[in-house]
Amino acid sequence: MVLSVIRKAPEVIPLVVIVGGACTAGIGFTIRQAVKNPDASWDRKNNQHPWLNIKANEQVKLYSHTDYSKLENERPSEF
């Protein structure tokens, strides 16, 4: 269906490319958030509080201007 519209009106090619790219980026970002984000918990029985397992120098943001690997551990040691 999309190919027949593109053949009849080639001026919609940029629109199709931009919308397709935006949809792909949105799906990719959603998958990344579901897999990498500590706020998303898929296994509540074994890991009820996944945000407690984050190390002090671990980056969980998509982009950050701070290099977390060079930060000192400011948390108290565990018992």
N, C-alpha and C. Protein backbone atom coordinates (compact mmCIF):
# COMPACT_ATOMS: atom_id res chain seq x y z
N MET A 1 0.82 -1.18 0.00
CA MET A 1 0.00 0.00 0.00
C MET A 1 0.87 1.26 0.00
N VAL A 2 1.89 1.29 0.85
CA VAL A 2 2.76 2.46 0.93
C VAL A 2 3.55 2.61 -0.36
N LEU A 3 4.00 1.48 -0.91
CA LEU A 3 4.78 1.55 -2.15
C LEU A 3 3.96 2.08 -3.31
N SER A 4 2.68 1.73 -3.38
CA SER A 4 1.85 2.24 -4.47
C SER A 4 1.62 3.74 -4.33
N VAL A 5 1.50 4.24 -3.11
CA VAL A 5 1.34 5.68 -2.89
C VAL A 5 2.63 6.40 -3.25
N ILE A 6 3.77 5.82 -2.91
CA ILE A 6 5.06 6.45 -3.22
C ILE A 6 5.28 6.50 -4.73
N ARG A 7 4.86 5.45 -5.43
CA ARG A 7 5.02 5.46 -6.90
C ARG A 7 4.13 6.52 -7.55
N LYS A 8 2.95 6.72 -7.01
CA LYS A 8 2.04 7.71 -7.59
C LYS A 8 2.44 9.13 -7.22
N ALA A 9 2.95 9.33 -6.01
CA ALA A 9 3.32 10.66 -5.53
C ALA A 9 4.69 10.59 -4.85
N PRO A 10 5.78 10.73 -5.61
CA PRO A 10 7.12 10.61 -5.01
C PRO A 10 7.47 11.74 -4.04
N GLU A 11 6.67 12.78 -3.99
CA GLU A 11 6.96 13.86 -3.06
C GLU A 11 6.70 13.48 -1.60
N VAL A 12 6.07 12.33 -1.36
CA VAL A 12 5.83 11.89 0.01
C VAL A 12 6.97 11.04 0.56
N ILE A 13 8.00 10.80 -0.24
CA ILE A 13 9.14 9.98 0.21
C ILE A 13 9.80 10.57 1.46
N PRO A 14 10.12 11.88 1.51
CA PRO A 14 10.72 12.40 2.74
C PRO A 14 9.81 12.24 3.97
N LEU A 15 8.52 12.40 3.77
CA LEU A 15 7.57 12.23 4.87
C LEU A 15 7.59 10.79 5.39
N VAL A 16 7.59 9.83 4.48
CA VAL A 16 7.60 8.42 4.87
C VAL A 16 8.90 8.09 5.60
N VAL A 17 10.02 8.61 5.10
CA VAL A 17 11.32 8.34 5.73
C VAL A 17 11.38 8.95 7.13
N ILE A 18 10.92 10.18 7.29
CA ILE A 18 10.97 10.84 8.59
C ILE A 18 10.04 10.17 9.59
N VAL A 19 8.84 9.85 9.18
CA VAL A 19 7.89 9.18 10.09
C VAL A 19 8.39 7.78 10.44
N GLY A 20 8.92 7.06 9.47
CA GLY A 20 9.47 5.73 9.75
C GLY A 20 10.66 5.79 10.70
N GLY A 21 11.54 6.77 10.50
CA GLY A 21 12.67 6.94 11.41
C GLY A 21 12.24 7.30 12.81
N ALA A 22 11.25 8.17 12.92
CA ALA A 22 10.75 8.57 14.24
C ALA A 22 10.10 7.38 14.96
N CYS A 23 9.35 6.58 14.24
CA CYS A 23 8.74 5.40 14.85
C CYS A 23 9.79 4.40 15.30
N THR A 24 10.82 4.19 14.48
CA THR A 24 11.91 3.29 14.84
C THR A 24 12.66 3.79 16.06
N ALA A 25 12.95 5.09 16.12
CA ALA A 25 13.64 5.66 17.27
C ALA A 25 12.78 5.56 18.53
N GLY A 26 11.50 5.78 18.40
CA GLY A 26 10.61 5.68 19.56
C GLY A 26 10.53 4.26 20.11
N ILE A 27 10.43 3.30 19.22
CA ILE A 27 10.40 1.90 19.66
C ILE A 27 11.73 1.51 20.28
N GLY A 28 12.83 1.95 19.68
CA GLY A 28 14.16 1.65 20.23
C GLY A 28 14.35 2.25 21.61
N PHE A 29 13.91 3.48 21.80
CA PHE A 29 14.03 4.14 23.10
C PHE A 29 13.18 3.44 24.15
N THR A 30 11.99 3.01 23.77
CA THR A 30 11.12 2.31 24.70
C THR A 30 11.73 0.98 25.13
N ILE A 31 12.32 0.26 24.19
CA ILE A 31 12.97 -1.01 24.52
C ILE A 31 14.17 -0.77 25.42
N ARG A 32 14.95 0.28 25.15
CA ARG A 32 16.11 0.59 25.98
C ARG A 32 15.68 0.94 27.40
N GLN A 33 14.62 1.71 27.55
CA GLN A 33 14.14 2.07 28.88
C GLN A 33 13.63 0.84 29.63
N ALA A 34 12.99 -0.07 28.92
CA ALA A 34 12.46 -1.26 29.57
C ALA A 34 13.57 -2.20 30.02
N VAL A 35 14.69 -2.22 29.30
CA VAL A 35 15.77 -3.15 29.62
C VAL A 35 16.79 -2.54 30.57
N LYS A 36 17.18 -1.30 30.36
CA LYS A 36 18.29 -0.70 31.10
C LYS A 36 17.87 0.13 32.31
N ASN A 37 16.66 0.59 32.37
CA ASN A 37 16.24 1.50 33.43
C ASN A 37 15.95 0.72 34.71
N PRO A 38 16.52 1.14 35.85
CA PRO A 38 16.28 0.39 37.09
C PRO A 38 14.87 0.59 37.64
N ASP A 39 14.12 1.54 37.12
CA ASP A 39 12.75 1.73 37.59
C ASP A 39 11.79 0.71 36.99
N ALA A 40 12.19 0.06 35.90
CA ALA A 40 11.35 -0.96 35.28
C ALA A 40 11.73 -2.32 35.86
N SER A 41 10.80 -2.97 36.51
CA SER A 41 11.07 -4.25 37.14
C SER A 41 10.20 -5.32 36.48
N TRP A 42 10.85 -6.32 35.89
CA TRP A 42 10.13 -7.39 35.23
C TRP A 42 9.97 -8.60 36.15
N ASP A 43 10.82 -8.71 37.17
CA ASP A 43 10.82 -9.86 38.06
C ASP A 43 10.65 -9.37 39.50
N ARG A 44 9.44 -9.25 39.95
CA ARG A 44 9.17 -8.71 41.28
C ARG A 44 9.48 -9.71 42.40
N LYS A 45 9.46 -11.01 42.10
CA LYS A 45 9.69 -12.00 43.14
C LYS A 45 11.16 -12.02 43.58
N ASN A 46 12.08 -11.98 42.64
CA ASN A 46 13.50 -12.09 42.96
C ASN A 46 14.17 -10.75 43.20
N ASN A 47 13.63 -9.68 42.66
CA ASN A 47 14.26 -8.37 42.77
C ASN A 47 13.18 -7.31 42.96
N GLN A 48 12.74 -7.14 44.18
CA GLN A 48 11.62 -6.23 44.43
C GLN A 48 12.02 -4.77 44.32
N HIS A 49 13.26 -4.44 44.61
CA HIS A 49 13.73 -3.06 44.60
C HIS A 49 14.99 -2.95 43.73
N PRO A 50 14.86 -2.94 42.41
CA PRO A 50 16.05 -2.95 41.55
C PRO A 50 16.87 -1.68 41.63
N TRP A 51 16.30 -0.57 42.07
CA TRP A 51 17.03 0.68 42.14
C TRP A 51 18.05 0.68 43.27
N LEU A 52 17.94 -0.28 44.20
CA LEU A 52 18.93 -0.37 45.28
C LEU A 52 20.22 -1.04 44.82
N ASN A 53 20.20 -1.69 43.66
CA ASN A 53 21.38 -2.39 43.16
C ASN A 53 22.27 -1.51 42.29
N ILE A 54 21.97 -0.24 42.20
CA ILE A 54 22.77 0.66 41.36
C ILE A 54 24.02 1.06 42.12
N LYS A 55 25.17 0.90 41.48
CA LYS A 55 26.44 1.32 42.08
C LYS A 55 26.57 2.83 41.99
N ALA A 56 27.41 3.41 42.82
CA ALA A 56 27.57 4.86 42.85
C ALA A 56 28.17 5.40 41.56
N ASN A 57 28.98 4.60 40.88
CA ASN A 57 29.62 5.07 39.65
C ASN A 57 28.98 4.47 38.40
N GLU A 58 27.76 4.03 38.48
CA GLU A 58 27.06 3.44 37.35
C GLU A 58 26.13 4.48 36.72
N GLN A 59 26.23 4.64 35.41
CA GLN A 59 25.39 5.61 34.71
C GLN A 59 24.15 4.90 34.17
N VAL A 60 22.98 5.37 34.55
CA VAL A 60 21.74 4.79 34.07
C VAL A 60 20.96 5.76 33.19
N LYS A 61 21.43 6.98 33.09
CA LYS A 61 20.77 7.96 32.24
C LYS A 61 21.14 7.71 30.77
N LEU A 62 20.30 8.18 29.87
CA LEU A 62 20.60 8.05 28.45
C LEU A 62 21.81 8.88 28.08
N TYR A 63 21.90 10.10 28.59
CA TYR A 63 23.06 10.97 28.37
C TYR A 63 23.30 11.78 29.63
N SER A 64 24.56 11.91 30.00
CA SER A 64 24.91 12.73 31.15
C SER A 64 26.26 13.38 30.90
N HIS A 65 26.40 14.64 31.27
CA HIS A 65 27.66 15.33 31.08
C HIS A 65 28.67 14.98 32.17
N THR A 66 28.25 14.26 33.21
CA THR A 66 29.14 13.84 34.29
C THR A 66 29.65 12.44 33.99
N ASP A 67 30.96 12.24 34.19
CA ASP A 67 31.55 10.92 34.02
C ASP A 67 31.45 10.18 35.35
N TYR A 68 30.49 9.28 35.46
CA TYR A 68 30.23 8.60 36.71
C TYR A 68 31.34 7.63 37.10
N SER A 69 32.13 7.16 36.16
CA SER A 69 33.19 6.23 36.49
C SER A 69 34.31 6.89 37.28
N LYS A 70 34.41 8.22 37.24
CA LYS A 70 35.47 8.93 37.95
C LYS A 70 35.02 9.49 39.30
N LEU A 71 33.76 9.31 39.65
CA LEU A 71 33.26 9.81 40.92
C LEU A 71 33.68 8.89 42.06
N GLU A 72 33.91 9.47 43.22
CA GLU A 72 34.24 8.67 44.39
C GLU A 72 32.96 8.13 45.01
N ASN A 73 33.09 7.02 45.69
CA ASN A 73 31.94 6.41 46.34
C ASN A 73 31.62 7.18 47.61
N GLU A 74 30.50 7.88 47.63
CA GLU A 74 30.11 8.67 48.79
C GLU A 74 29.13 7.93 49.69
N ARG A 75 28.77 6.73 49.32
CA ARG A 75 27.85 5.95 50.13
C ARG A 75 28.60 5.28 51.27
N PRO A 76 27.95 5.08 52.39
CA PRO A 76 28.62 4.35 53.48
C PRO A 76 28.77 2.88 53.12
N SER A 77 29.77 2.25 53.69
CA SER A 77 29.99 0.84 53.39
C SER A 77 28.87 0.01 54.01
N GLU A 78 28.62 -1.13 53.40
CA GLU A 78 27.55 -2.00 53.89
C GLU A 78 28.03 -2.78 55.10
N PHE A 79 27.10 -3.24 55.91
CA PHE A 79 27.46 -3.97 57.13
C PHE A 79 27.93 -5.35 56.81
